[in-house]
C-alpha atoms as a PDB file:
ATOM      1  CA  MET A   1      17.492 -27.010  -5.392  1.00  0.00           C
ATOM      2  CA  LEU A   2      14.092 -25.757  -4.310  1.00  0.00           C
ATOM      3  CA  PRO A   3      13.887 -25.202  -0.535  1.00  0.00           C
ATOM      4  CA  GLU A   4      11.734 -27.876   1.065  1.00  0.00           C
ATOM      5  CA  ASP A   5       9.103 -25.433   2.341  1.00  0.00           C
ATOM      6  CA  THR A   6       8.598 -23.857  -1.092  1.00  0.00           C
ATOM      7  CA  SER A   7       9.006 -26.857  -3.392  1.00  0.00           C
ATOM      8  CA  SER A   8       5.251 -27.150  -3.969  1.00  0.00           C
ATOM      9  CA  LEU A   9       5.211 -23.582  -5.277  1.00  0.00           C
ATOM     10  CA  ALA A  10       7.111 -24.693  -8.363  1.00  0.00           C
ATOM     11  CA  ALA A  11       3.863 -26.131  -9.720  1.00  0.00           C
ATOM     12  CA  GLY A  12       2.611 -22.576 -10.171  1.00  0.00           C
ATOM     13  CA  LEU A  13       5.522 -21.709 -12.477  1.00  0.00           C
ATOM     14  CA  PRO A  14       5.488 -22.156 -16.260  1.00  0.00           C
ATOM     15  CA  ALA A  15       7.004 -25.469 -17.329  1.00  0.00           C
ATOM     16  CA  HIS A  16      10.259 -23.983 -18.595  1.00  0.00           C
ATOM     17  CA  LEU A  17      11.011 -22.528 -15.147  1.00  0.00           C
ATOM     18  CA  ARG A  18      10.411 -25.761 -13.220  1.00  0.00           C
ATOM     19  CA  ASP A  19      13.977 -26.881 -12.866  1.00  0.00           C
ATOM     20  CA  PRO A  20      15.989 -28.387  -9.997  1.00  0.00           C
ATOM     21  CA  ALA A  21      18.236 -25.322 -10.116  1.00  0.00           C
ATOM     22  CA  THR A  22      15.307 -22.914  -9.618  1.00  0.00           C
ATOM     23  CA  THR A  23      15.226 -21.152  -6.260  1.00  0.00           C
ATOM     24  CA  ILE A  24      12.109 -19.694  -4.669  1.00  0.00           C
ATOM     25  CA  THR A  25      12.496 -17.294  -1.754  1.00  0.00           C
ATOM     26  CA  ARG A  26       9.652 -15.722   0.216  1.00  0.00           C
ATOM     27  CA  VAL A  27       9.659 -11.938   0.046  1.00  0.00           C
ATOM     28  CA  ALA A  28       6.470 -10.910   1.812  1.00  0.00           C
ATOM     29  CA  ALA A  29       3.005 -11.939   2.934  1.00  0.00           C
ATOM     30  CA  GLY A  30      -0.162  -9.876   2.670  1.00  0.00           C
ATOM     31  CA  LEU A  31      -3.251  -9.389   4.824  1.00  0.00           C
ATOM     32  CA  SER A  32      -5.198 -11.759   2.573  1.00  0.00           C
ATOM     33  CA  GLY A  33      -2.706 -14.554   3.235  1.00  0.00           C
ATOM     34  CA  ALA A  34      -1.146 -14.206  -0.201  1.00  0.00           C
ATOM     35  CA  GLY A  35       2.547 -14.998  -0.462  1.00  0.00           C
ATOM     36  CA  VAL A  36       5.065 -13.145  -2.624  1.00  0.00           C
ATOM     37  CA  TYR A  37       8.234 -14.933  -3.722  1.00  0.00           C
ATOM     38  CA  ARG A  38      11.373 -14.174  -5.699  1.00  0.00           C
ATOM     39  CA  VAL A  39      12.063 -16.808  -8.339  1.00  0.00           C
ATOM     40  CA  ASP A  40      15.547 -17.244  -9.792  1.00  0.00           C
ATOM     41  CA  ALA A  41      15.450 -19.543 -12.798  1.00  0.00           C
ATOM     42  CA  ALA A  42      17.283 -20.001 -16.084  1.00  0.00           C
ATOM     43  CA  GLY A  43      19.497 -17.004 -15.378  1.00  0.00           C
ATOM     44  CA  GLN A  44      16.531 -14.692 -14.890  1.00  0.00           C
ATOM     45  CA  THR A  45      14.522 -13.357 -11.953  1.00  0.00           C
ATOM     46  CA  PHE A  46      10.743 -13.317 -11.625  1.00  0.00           C
ATOM     47  CA  VAL A  47       8.124 -12.606  -8.968  1.00  0.00           C
ATOM     48  CA  LEU A  48       5.578 -15.258  -7.983  1.00  0.00           C
ATOM     49  CA  LYS A  49       2.459 -14.265  -6.084  1.00  0.00           C
ATOM     50  CA  VAL A  50       0.152 -16.959  -4.745  1.00  0.00           C
ATOM     51  CA  GLY A  51      -3.292 -16.016  -3.444  1.00  0.00           C
ATOM     52  CA  GLY A  52      -4.281 -16.936   0.092  1.00  0.00           C
ATOM     53  CA  GLU A  53      -6.542 -19.930   0.626  1.00  0.00           C
ATOM     54  CA  SER A  54      -9.184 -17.734   2.286  1.00  0.00           C
ATOM     55  CA  GLU A  55      -9.375 -15.389  -0.697  1.00  0.00           C
ATOM     56  CA  LEU A  56     -12.510 -15.827  -2.786  1.00  0.00           C
ATOM     57  CA  LEU A  57     -11.729 -17.028  -6.295  1.00  0.00           C
ATOM     58  CA  THR A  58     -14.004 -14.347  -7.755  1.00  0.00           C
ATOM     59  CA  ASN A  59     -11.955 -11.673  -5.947  1.00  0.00           C
ATOM     60  CA  TRP A  60      -8.731 -13.227  -7.214  1.00  0.00           C
ATOM     61  CA  HIS A  61      -9.957 -13.120 -10.818  1.00  0.00           C
ATOM     62  CA  ARG A  62     -11.101  -9.533 -10.334  1.00  0.00           C
ATOM     63  CA  THR A  63      -7.675  -8.474  -9.071  1.00  0.00           C
ATOM     64  CA  LEU A  64      -6.009 -10.325 -11.936  1.00  0.00           C
ATOM     65  CA  ARG A  65      -8.102  -8.426 -14.497  1.00  0.00           C
ATOM     66  CA  ILE A  66      -7.151  -5.090 -12.953  1.00  0.00           C
ATOM     67  CA  GLN A  67      -3.481  -6.043 -12.669  1.00  0.00           C
ATOM     68  CA  GLN A  68      -3.466  -7.137 -16.327  1.00  0.00           C
ATOM     69  CA  LEU A  69      -4.971  -3.802 -17.360  1.00  0.00           C
ATOM     70  CA  ALA A  70      -2.277  -2.006 -15.376  1.00  0.00           C
ATOM     71  CA  ALA A  71       0.493  -4.180 -16.817  1.00  0.00           C
ATOM     72  CA  ASP A  72      -0.739  -3.608 -20.374  1.00  0.00           C
ATOM     73  CA  ALA A  73      -0.604   0.145 -19.684  1.00  0.00           C
ATOM     74  CA  GLY A  74       2.947  -0.061 -18.323  1.00  0.00           C
ATOM     75  CA  LEU A  75       1.797   0.656 -14.767  1.00  0.00           C
ATOM     76  CA  ALA A  76       2.598  -2.762 -13.294  1.00  0.00           C
ATOM     77  CA  PRO A  77       5.270  -5.362 -14.048  1.00  0.00           C
ATOM     78  CA  ARG A  78       4.597  -7.514 -17.109  1.00  0.00           C
ATOM     79  CA  ILE A  79       2.651 -10.712 -16.356  1.00  0.00           C
ATOM     80  CA  ILE A  80       4.535 -13.795 -17.562  1.00  0.00           C
ATOM     81  CA  HIS A  81       2.281 -16.663 -16.499  1.00  0.00           C
ATOM     82  CA  VAL A  82      -1.047 -17.283 -14.758  1.00  0.00           C
ATOM     83  CA  ASP A  83      -2.189 -20.494 -13.080  1.00  0.00           C
ATOM     84  CA  ALA A  84      -5.770 -19.855 -11.992  1.00  0.00           C
ATOM     85  CA  ALA A  85      -6.162 -23.259 -10.344  1.00  0.00           C
ATOM     86  CA  ARG A  86      -3.316 -22.411  -7.943  1.00  0.00           C
ATOM     87  CA  ARG A  87      -4.094 -18.672  -7.853  1.00  0.00           C
ATOM     88  CA  ALA A  88      -0.543 -18.061  -8.990  1.00  0.00           C
ATOM     89  CA  ILE A  89       0.732 -15.107 -11.015  1.00  0.00           C
ATOM     90  CA  VAL A  90       4.301 -14.876 -12.291  1.00  0.00           C
ATOM     91  CA  SER A  91       5.482 -11.374 -13.182  1.00  0.00           C
ATOM     92  CA  ALA A  92       8.671  -9.872 -14.521  1.00  0.00           C
ATOM     93  CA  PHE A  93      11.141  -8.752 -11.877  1.00  0.00           C
ATOM     94  CA  VAL A  94      11.845  -5.013 -12.023  1.00  0.00           C
ATOM     95  CA  THR A  95      15.111  -3.742 -10.578  1.00  0.00           C
ATOM     96  CA  ASP A  96      14.287  -0.880  -8.238  1.00  0.00           C
ATOM     97  CA  ARG A  97      16.324   2.300  -8.750  1.00  0.00           C
ATOM     98  CA  SER A  98      14.740   3.751  -5.584  1.00  0.00           C
ATOM     99  CA  PHE A  99      11.871   6.154  -5.939  1.00  0.00           C
ATOM    100  CA  LEU A 100      12.483   7.104  -2.305  1.00  0.00           C
ATOM    101  CA  GLY A 101      16.036   8.080  -3.221  1.00  0.00           C
ATOM    102  CA  LEU A 102      14.717  10.225  -6.062  1.00  0.00           C
ATOM    103  CA  TYR A 103      12.202  11.829  -3.710  1.00  0.00           C
ATOM    104  CA  ALA A 104      14.623  12.349  -0.819  1.00  0.00           C
ATOM    105  CA  ASN A 105      17.188  14.177  -2.965  1.00  0.00           C
ATOM    106  CA  PRO A 106      16.336  17.924  -2.972  1.00  0.00           C
ATOM    107  CA  ALA A 107      17.735  18.206  -6.492  1.00  0.00           C
ATOM    108  CA  THR A 108      15.294  15.597  -7.871  1.00  0.00           C
ATOM    109  CA  ARG A 109      12.321  15.888  -5.499  1.00  0.00           C
ATOM    110  CA  ASP A 110      10.198  17.907  -7.924  1.00  0.00           C
ATOM    111  CA  THR A 111      10.904  15.319 -10.620  1.00  0.00           C
ATOM    112  CA  ALA A 112       9.807  12.554  -8.248  1.00  0.00           C
ATOM    113  CA  VAL A 113       6.596  14.354  -7.249  1.00  0.00           C
ATOM    114  CA  ASP A 114       5.702  15.084 -10.875  1.00  0.00           C
ATOM    115  CA  LEU A 115       6.381  11.461 -11.846  1.00  0.00           C
ATOM    116  CA  LEU A 116       4.184  10.202  -9.017  1.00  0.00           C
ATOM    117  CA  GLY A 117       1.326  12.566  -9.837  1.00  0.00           C
ATOM    118  CA  ASN A 118       1.462  11.711 -13.553  1.00  0.00           C
ATOM    119  CA  THR A 119       1.578   7.978 -12.856  1.00  0.00           C
ATOM    120  CA  VAL A 120      -1.355   8.085 -10.442  1.00  0.00           C
ATOM    121  CA  ARG A 121      -3.330   9.968 -13.096  1.00  0.00           C
ATOM    122  CA  ARG A 122      -2.607   7.167 -15.592  1.00  0.00           C
ATOM    123  CA  VAL A 123      -3.898   4.645 -13.053  1.00  0.00           C
ATOM    124  CA  HIS A 124      -7.054   6.719 -12.694  1.00  0.00           C
ATOM    125  CA  GLU A 125      -7.498   6.698 -16.475  1.00  0.00           C
ATOM    126  CA  LEU A 126      -7.801   2.899 -16.562  1.00  0.00           C
ATOM    127  CA  PRO A 127     -11.355   1.622 -17.188  1.00  0.00           C
ATOM    128  CA  LEU A 128     -13.488   1.048 -14.114  1.00  0.00           C
ATOM    129  CA  PRO A 129     -14.554  -2.510 -13.243  1.00  0.00           C
ATOM    130  CA  GLN A 130     -18.124  -3.097 -14.390  1.00  0.00           C
ATOM    131  CA  ASP A 131     -21.004  -3.317 -11.911  1.00  0.00           C
ATOM    132  CA  GLU A 132     -18.858  -2.398  -8.915  1.00  0.00           C
ATOM    133  CA  GLY A 133     -19.628   0.422  -6.523  1.00  0.00           C
ATOM    134  CA  ALA A 134     -17.092   2.826  -5.062  1.00  0.00           C
ATOM    135  CA  GLN A 135     -15.119   1.555  -2.100  1.00  0.00           C
ATOM    136  CA  ASP A 136     -15.454   3.280   1.265  1.00  0.00           C
ATOM    137  CA  ALA A 137     -12.240   3.258   3.267  1.00  0.00           C
ATOM    138  CA  ARG A 138     -14.252   4.107   6.364  1.00  0.00           C
ATOM    139  CA  ASP A 139     -16.112   0.794   6.054  1.00  0.00           C
ATOM    140  CA  PHE A 140     -12.782  -1.016   6.022  1.00  0.00           C
ATOM    141  CA  LEU A 141     -11.602   1.023   9.012  1.00  0.00           C
ATOM    142  CA  SER A 142     -14.796   0.121  10.875  1.00  0.00           C
ATOM    143  CA  ARG A 143     -14.295  -3.606  10.194  1.00  0.00           C
ATOM    144  CA  ILE A 144     -10.663  -3.556  11.302  1.00  0.00           C
ATOM    145  CA  TRP A 145     -11.439  -1.536  14.433  1.00  0.00           C
ATOM    146  CA  SER A 146     -14.437  -3.630  15.470  1.00  0.00           C
ATOM    147  CA  GLY A 147     -12.402  -6.796  14.909  1.00  0.00           C
ATOM    148  CA  LEU A 148      -9.837  -5.835  17.561  1.00  0.00           C
ATOM    149  CA  PRO A 149     -10.663  -7.564  20.873  1.00  0.00           C
ATOM    150  CA  GLU A 150     -11.313  -5.429  23.940  1.00  0.00           C
ATOM    151  CA  SER A 151      -8.434  -7.209  25.653  1.00  0.00           C
ATOM    152  CA  PHE A 152      -6.038  -5.610  23.156  1.00  0.00           C
ATOM    153  CA  SER A 153      -5.530  -2.268  24.879  1.00  0.00           C
ATOM    154  CA  MET A 154      -5.041   0.867  22.799  1.00  0.00           C
ATOM    155  CA  PRO A 155      -3.790   4.327  23.744  1.00  0.00           C
ATOM    156  CA  ALA A 156      -6.748   6.678  24.220  1.00  0.00           C
ATOM    157  CA  PHE A 157      -5.678   8.929  21.334  1.00  0.00           C
ATOM    158  CA  VAL A 158      -5.994   6.026  18.880  1.00  0.00           C
ATOM    159  CA  GLY A 159      -9.591   5.321  19.850  1.00  0.00           C
ATOM    160  CA  HIS A 160     -10.379   9.024  19.724  1.00  0.00           C
ATOM    161  CA  ALA A 161      -8.890   9.319  16.213  1.00  0.00           C
ATOM    162  CA  VAL A 162     -10.692   6.235  14.888  1.00  0.00           C
ATOM    163  CA  ARG A 163     -14.087   7.088  16.343  1.00  0.00           C
ATOM    164  CA  GLY A 164     -13.765  10.668  15.168  1.00  0.00           C
ATOM    165  CA  MET A 165     -12.936   9.511  11.635  1.00  0.00           C
ATOM    166  CA  LEU A 166     -15.870   7.100  11.543  1.00  0.00           C
ATOM    167  CA  ALA A 167     -18.268   9.807  12.753  1.00  0.00           C
ATOM    168  CA  GLU A 168     -17.019  12.470  10.364  1.00  0.00           C
ATOM    169  CA  ARG A 169     -18.931  13.056   7.165  1.00  0.00           C
ATOM    170  CA  PRO A 170     -16.534  13.322   4.204  1.00  0.00           C
ATOM    171  CA  PRO A 171     -16.627  16.649   2.369  1.00  0.00           C
ATOM    172  CA  ALA A 172     -18.302  16.493  -1.008  1.00  0.00           C
ATOM    173  CA  SER A 173     -16.070  15.771  -3.989  1.00  0.00           C
ATOM    174  CA  ASN A 174     -16.754  17.192  -7.415  1.00  0.00           C
ATOM    175  CA  ARG A 175     -14.579  14.570  -9.078  1.00  0.00           C
ATOM    176  CA  PRO A 176     -15.865  11.436 -10.807  1.00  0.00           C
ATOM    177  CA  THR A 177     -15.068   8.023  -9.358  1.00  0.00           C
ATOM    178  CA  VAL A 178     -11.947   6.419 -10.841  1.00  0.00           C
ATOM    179  CA  LEU A 179     -10.123   3.116 -10.661  1.00  0.00           C
ATOM    180  CA  SER A 180      -7.968   3.652  -7.578  1.00  0.00           C
ATOM    181  CA  HIS A 181      -4.974   1.600  -6.485  1.00  0.00           C
ATOM    182  CA  ASN A 182      -6.015   2.250  -2.861  1.00  0.00           C
ATOM    183  CA  ASP A 183      -2.616   1.436  -1.331  1.00  0.00           C
ATOM    184  CA  VAL A 184      -0.090   3.925  -2.692  1.00  0.00           C
ATOM    185  CA  ASN A 185       2.670   3.483  -0.138  1.00  0.00           C
ATOM    186  CA  PRO A 186       6.421   3.350  -0.880  1.00  0.00           C
ATOM    187  CA  THR A 187       6.610  -0.459  -0.604  1.00  0.00           C
ATOM    188  CA  ASN A 188       4.215  -0.697  -3.545  1.00  0.00           C
ATOM    189  CA  LEU A 189       6.236   1.617  -5.789  1.00  0.00           C
ATOM    190  CA  VAL A 190       9.155   0.564  -7.950  1.00  0.00           C
ATOM    191  CA  TYR A 191      11.189   3.014 -10.032  1.00  0.00           C
ATOM    192  CA  ASP A 192      13.085   1.477 -12.940  1.00  0.00           C
ATOM    193  CA  GLY A 193      15.106   4.628 -13.593  1.00  0.00           C
ATOM    194  CA  GLU A 194      12.546   6.081 -15.984  1.00  0.00           C
ATOM    195  CA  HIS A 195       9.078   4.861 -15.111  1.00  0.00           C
ATOM    196  CA  LEU A 196       7.156   4.294 -11.900  1.00  0.00           C
ATOM    197  CA  LEU A 197       5.270   1.019 -11.520  1.00  0.00           C
ATOM    198  CA  PHE A 198       2.837  -0.182  -8.869  1.00  0.00           C
ATOM    199  CA  PHE A 199       2.810  -3.494  -7.000  1.00  0.00           C
ATOM    200  CA  ASP A 200      -0.017  -5.184  -5.086  1.00  0.00           C
ATOM    201  CA  TRP A 201      -3.355  -4.494  -6.773  1.00  0.00           C
ATOM    202  CA  ASP A 202      -5.364  -6.532  -4.240  1.00  0.00           C
ATOM    203  CA  THR A 203      -7.273  -3.532  -2.871  1.00  0.00           C
ATOM    204  CA  ALA A 204      -7.708  -1.716  -6.197  1.00  0.00           C
ATOM    205  CA  GLY A 205     -11.221  -0.604  -7.072  1.00  0.00           C
ATOM    206  CA  PRO A 206     -13.484   2.401  -7.655  1.00  0.00           C
ATOM    207  CA  ASN A 207     -12.808   5.329  -5.351  1.00  0.00           C
ATOM    208  CA  ASP A 208     -12.470   9.089  -5.245  1.00  0.00           C
ATOM    209  CA  PRO A 209      -9.217  10.121  -6.988  1.00  0.00           C
ATOM    210  CA  PHE A 210      -8.090  12.093  -3.951  1.00  0.00           C
ATOM    211  CA  TYR A 211      -7.627   8.917  -1.897  1.00  0.00           C
ATOM    212  CA  ASP A 212      -4.568   7.637  -3.795  1.00  0.00           C
ATOM    213  CA  LEU A 213      -2.983  11.093  -3.768  1.00  0.00           C
ATOM    214  CA  ALA A 214      -3.742  11.564  -0.086  1.00  0.00           C
ATOM    215  CA  THR A 215      -2.285   8.178   0.844  1.00  0.00           C
ATOM    216  CA  ALA A 216       0.948   8.912  -1.008  1.00  0.00           C
ATOM    217  CA  SER A 217       1.218  12.308   0.673  1.00  0.00           C
ATOM    218  CA  VAL A 218       0.918  10.721   4.126  1.00  0.00           C
ATOM    219  CA  PHE A 219       3.579   8.072   3.668  1.00  0.00           C
ATOM    220  CA  LEU A 220       5.943  10.535   1.993  1.00  0.00           C
ATOM    221  CA  ARG A 221       5.281  13.192   4.663  1.00  0.00           C
ATOM    222  CA  MET A 222       4.532  15.899   2.100  1.00  0.00           C
ATOM    223  CA  ASP A 223       4.132  19.489   3.221  1.00  0.00           C
ATOM    224  CA  GLU A 224       1.442  21.733   1.728  1.00  0.00           C
ATOM    225  CA  THR A 225       3.631  22.996  -1.114  1.00  0.00           C
ATOM    226  CA  THR A 226       4.576  19.459  -2.148  1.00  0.00           C
ATOM    227  CA  CYS A 227       0.948  18.307  -1.920  1.00  0.00           C
ATOM    228  CA  LEU A 228      -0.064  21.139  -4.248  1.00  0.00           C
ATOM    229  CA  ARG A 229       2.623  20.093  -6.731  1.00  0.00           C
ATOM    230  CA  LEU A 230       1.419  16.471  -6.548  1.00  0.00           C
ATOM    231  CA  LEU A 231      -2.179  17.493  -7.267  1.00  0.00           C
ATOM    232  CA  SER A 232      -1.049  19.817 -10.063  1.00  0.00           C
ATOM    233  CA  ALA A 233       0.938  17.019 -11.708  1.00  0.00           C
ATOM    234  CA  HIS A 234      -2.067  14.701 -11.421  1.00  0.00           C
ATOM    235  CA  ASP A 235      -4.504  17.258 -12.841  1.00  0.00           C
ATOM    236  CA  GLY A 236      -2.191  18.609 -15.524  1.00  0.00           C
ATOM    237  CA  GLU A 237      -2.867  22.171 -14.406  1.00  0.00           C
ATOM    238  CA  PRO A 238      -1.945  24.330 -11.402  1.00  0.00           C
ATOM    239  CA  VAL A 239      -3.809  23.673  -8.144  1.00  0.00           C
ATOM    240  CA  GLY A 240      -3.618  26.613  -5.738  1.00  0.00           C
ATOM    241  CA  LEU A 241      -5.572  25.347  -2.745  1.00  0.00           C
ATOM    242  CA  LEU A 242      -5.772  21.942  -1.081  1.00  0.00           C
ATOM    243  CA  PRO A 243      -9.379  20.720  -1.357  1.00  0.00           C
ATOM    244  CA  GLY A 244     -11.187  19.774   1.839  1.00  0.00           C
ATOM    245  CA  ARG A 245     -11.774  16.250   0.545  1.00  0.00           C
ATOM    246  CA  PHE A 246      -8.041  15.784  -0.009  1.00  0.00           C
ATOM    247  CA  ASN A 247      -7.233  16.796   3.577  1.00  0.00           C
ATOM    248  CA  HIS A 248     -10.019  14.545   4.864  1.00  0.00           C
ATOM    249  CA  ASP A 249      -8.615  11.617   2.898  1.00  0.00           C
ATOM    250  CA  ARG A 250      -5.124  12.318   4.239  1.00  0.00           C
ATOM    251  CA  ARG A 251      -6.401  11.900   7.780  1.00  0.00           C
ATOM    252  CA  LEU A 252      -8.496   8.888   6.804  1.00  0.00           C
ATOM    253  CA  ALA A 253      -5.569   7.152   5.099  1.00  0.00           C
ATOM    254  CA  ALA A 254      -3.284   7.784   8.091  1.00  0.00           C
ATOM    255  CA  VAL A 255      -5.823   6.459  10.613  1.00  0.00           C
ATOM    256  CA  LEU A 256      -6.772   3.458   8.464  1.00  0.00           C
ATOM    257  CA  CYS A 257      -3.209   2.419   7.649  1.00  0.00           C
ATOM    258  CA  GLY A 258      -2.181   2.972  11.277  1.00  0.00           C
ATOM    259  CA  THR A 259      -5.029   0.774  12.512  1.00  0.00           C
ATOM    260  CA  VAL A 260      -4.083  -1.937  10.013  1.00  0.00           C
ATOM    261  CA  PHE A 261      -0.526  -2.018  11.385  1.00  0.00           C
ATOM    262  CA  LEU A 262      -1.817  -2.155  14.969  1.00  0.00           C
ATOM    263  CA  HIS A 263      -3.938  -5.124  13.871  1.00  0.00           C
ATOM    264  CA  LEU A 264      -0.871  -6.778  12.324  1.00  0.00           C
ATOM    265  CA  ALA A 265       1.086  -6.173  15.535  1.00  0.00           C
ATOM    266  CA  ARG A 266      -1.619  -7.972  17.525  1.00  0.00           C
ATOM    267  CA  ILE A 267      -1.540 -10.936  15.136  1.00  0.00           C
ATOM    268  CA  ALA A 268       2.250 -11.029  15.519  1.00  0.00           C
ATOM    269  CA  GLY A 269       1.897 -11.260  19.310  1.00  0.00           C
ATOM    270  CA  TYR A 270       2.221  -7.686  20.516  1.00  0.00           C
ATOM    271  CA  PRO A 271       0.385  -7.343  23.874  1.00  0.00           C
ATOM    272  CA  GLY A 272      -1.028  -3.857  23.244  1.00  0.00           C
ATOM    273  CA  ALA A 273      -0.672  -0.727  25.354  1.00  0.00           C
ATOM    274  CA  THR A 274       0.871  -1.465  28.749  1.00  0.00           C
ATOM    275  CA  GLY A 275       0.134   1.855  30.450  1.00  0.00           C
ATOM    276  CA  PRO A 276      -0.969   5.451  29.923  1.00  0.00           C
ATOM    277  CA  GLU A 277       0.164   6.700  26.539  1.00  0.00           C
ATOM    278  CA  SER A 278      -0.647  10.148  25.160  1.00  0.00           C
ATOM    279  CA  ASP A 279      -0.296  11.216  21.573  1.00  0.00           C
ATOM    280  CA  ASP A 280       3.029  12.815  22.553  1.00  0.00           C
ATOM    281  CA  SER A 281       4.517   9.502  23.676  1.00  0.00           C
ATOM    282  CA  PRO A 282       4.825   7.514  20.417  1.00  0.00           C
ATOM    283  CA  LEU A 283       7.408   8.197  17.741  1.00  0.00           C
ATOM    284  CA  SER A 284       6.403  10.655  15.056  1.00  0.00           C
ATOM    285  CA  LEU A 285       6.330   9.280  11.517  1.00  0.00           C
ATOM    286  CA  GLY A 286       9.602  11.045  10.743  1.00  0.00           C
ATOM    287  CA  GLU A 287      11.241   9.641  13.882  1.00  0.00           C
ATOM    288  CA  PHE A 288      10.009   6.165  13.013  1.00  0.00           C
ATOM    289  CA  TYR A 289      11.504   6.384   9.514  1.00  0.00           C
ATOM    290  CA  GLN A 290      14.805   7.546  10.988  1.00  0.00           C
ATOM    291  CA  GLN A 291      14.918   4.609  13.412  1.00  0.00           C
ATOM    292  CA  MET A 292      13.982   2.212  10.620  1.00  0.00           C
ATOM    293  CA  ARG A 293      16.887   3.495   8.514  1.00  0.00           C
ATOM    294  CA  THR A 294      19.310   2.826  11.378  1.00  0.00           C
ATOM    295  CA  GLY A 295      17.845  -0.632  12.028  1.00  0.00           C
ATOM    296  CA  ALA A 296      16.520   0.303  15.465  1.00  0.00           C
ATOM    297  CA  VAL A 297      13.004  -0.772  14.428  1.00  0.00           C
ATOM    298  CA  SER A 298      11.759  -3.222  11.822  1.00  0.00           C
ATOM    299  CA  LEU A 299       8.366  -3.679  10.209  1.00  0.00           C
ATOM    300  CA  ARG A 300       8.960  -7.420  10.284  1.00  0.00           C
ATOM    301  CA  ALA A 301       8.680  -7.364  14.090  1.00  0.00           C
ATOM    302  CA  ALA A 302       5.526  -6.879  16.144  1.00  0.00           C
ATOM    303  CA  GLU A 303       7.164  -4.010  18.033  1.00  0.00           C
ATOM    304  CA  GLY A 304       7.931  -2.210  14.778  1.00  0.00           C
ATOM    305  CA  GLN A 305       4.403  -2.719  13.455  1.00  0.00           C
ATOM    306  CA  TRP A 306       2.985  -1.330  16.707  1.00  0.00           C
ATOM    307  CA  ALA A 307       5.284   1.720  16.593  1.00  0.00           C
ATOM    308  CA  PHE A 308       4.499   2.347  12.920  1.00  0.00           C
ATOM    309  CA  GLY A 309       0.757   2.079  13.548  1.00  0.00           C
ATOM    310  CA  LEU A 310       0.921   4.614  16.374  1.00  0.00           C
ATOM    311  CA  ALA A 311       3.096   6.940  14.288  1.00  0.00           C
ATOM    312  CA  LEU A 312       0.585   6.895  11.432  1.00  0.00           C
ATOM    313  CA  VAL A 313      -2.378   7.617  13.709  1.00  0.00           C
ATOM    314  CA  LYS A 314      -0.344  10.391  15.337  1.00  0.00           C
ATOM    315  CA  GLU A 315       0.387  11.784  11.863  1.00  0.00           C
ATOM    316  CA  SER A 316      -3.341  12.086  11.213  1.00  0.00           C
ATOM    317  CA  LEU A 317      -3.631  14.517  14.105  1.00  0.00           C
ATOM    318  CA  SER A 318      -1.247  16.944  12.380  1.00  0.00           C
ATOM    319  CA  VAL A 319      -3.435  17.294   9.280  1.00  0.00           C
ATOM    320  CA  SER A 320      -5.813  20.246   9.342  1.00  0.00           C
ATOM    321  CA  PRO A 321      -9.489  19.523   8.569  1.00  0.00           C
END
């Protein structure tokens, strides 16, 4: 039977999946208010994503077009059904063989990095949306930062990092604008044992190609050698020096993503900083991951979101200009 709180979601499924035996289980919720659900029906598993009520319909259609392009290119799970009236998309469920496991194993790390670089390049080869300018992650950072109330206290190093990032002029890039996923973090990657696919295309749009690569390098805590291999795999030729724009985007991605998680922590009820807190006080990104693996922290809790946000901002301070 469908759980009472998700029974209305069945209307967004194709007719052959609307059955009393179908189960719909919430998996995640996004910043836009969209809900992601696992659907078990007729002996198969699917993924249902329903757009948030506050999301503009034009934006929803735009994201759908990009996601369909990606799916047709084998870069996103196959789309099974679309219900535009309900802003519902049903996609094939892909069993994850753990890209993080592939990356964490020293014997297969190079394979993982090459696969990631090659896959990001294929995303960047998709056609750009028409009549749409390049996205500026700093604009998004400015909106998130200015939307935090003064009563929500932040450690001084966070404000310093954000204001510094907003004031900094990005180094020039000699690369053409591409269609960027704009949120290449491990939760949006699924490895089927052969290919790498991307989830969550809500923020996709024109951007500098370094931004996707930089974001991935932050979340995967890549050292310089690994970053060079990632760029080389993306470019299809050896890269011997990390470009200034890439390093800038690494810091930008870390500060932006960290600020987003601090914002989520506030929404979830976290009170903010309760006393003096230097950049040495919070967990490092590596320490946070270790505690998450042991279950000591969770990204589902406000405390975990706060700790993750601080760890990401702290990570930005370790990246050389």
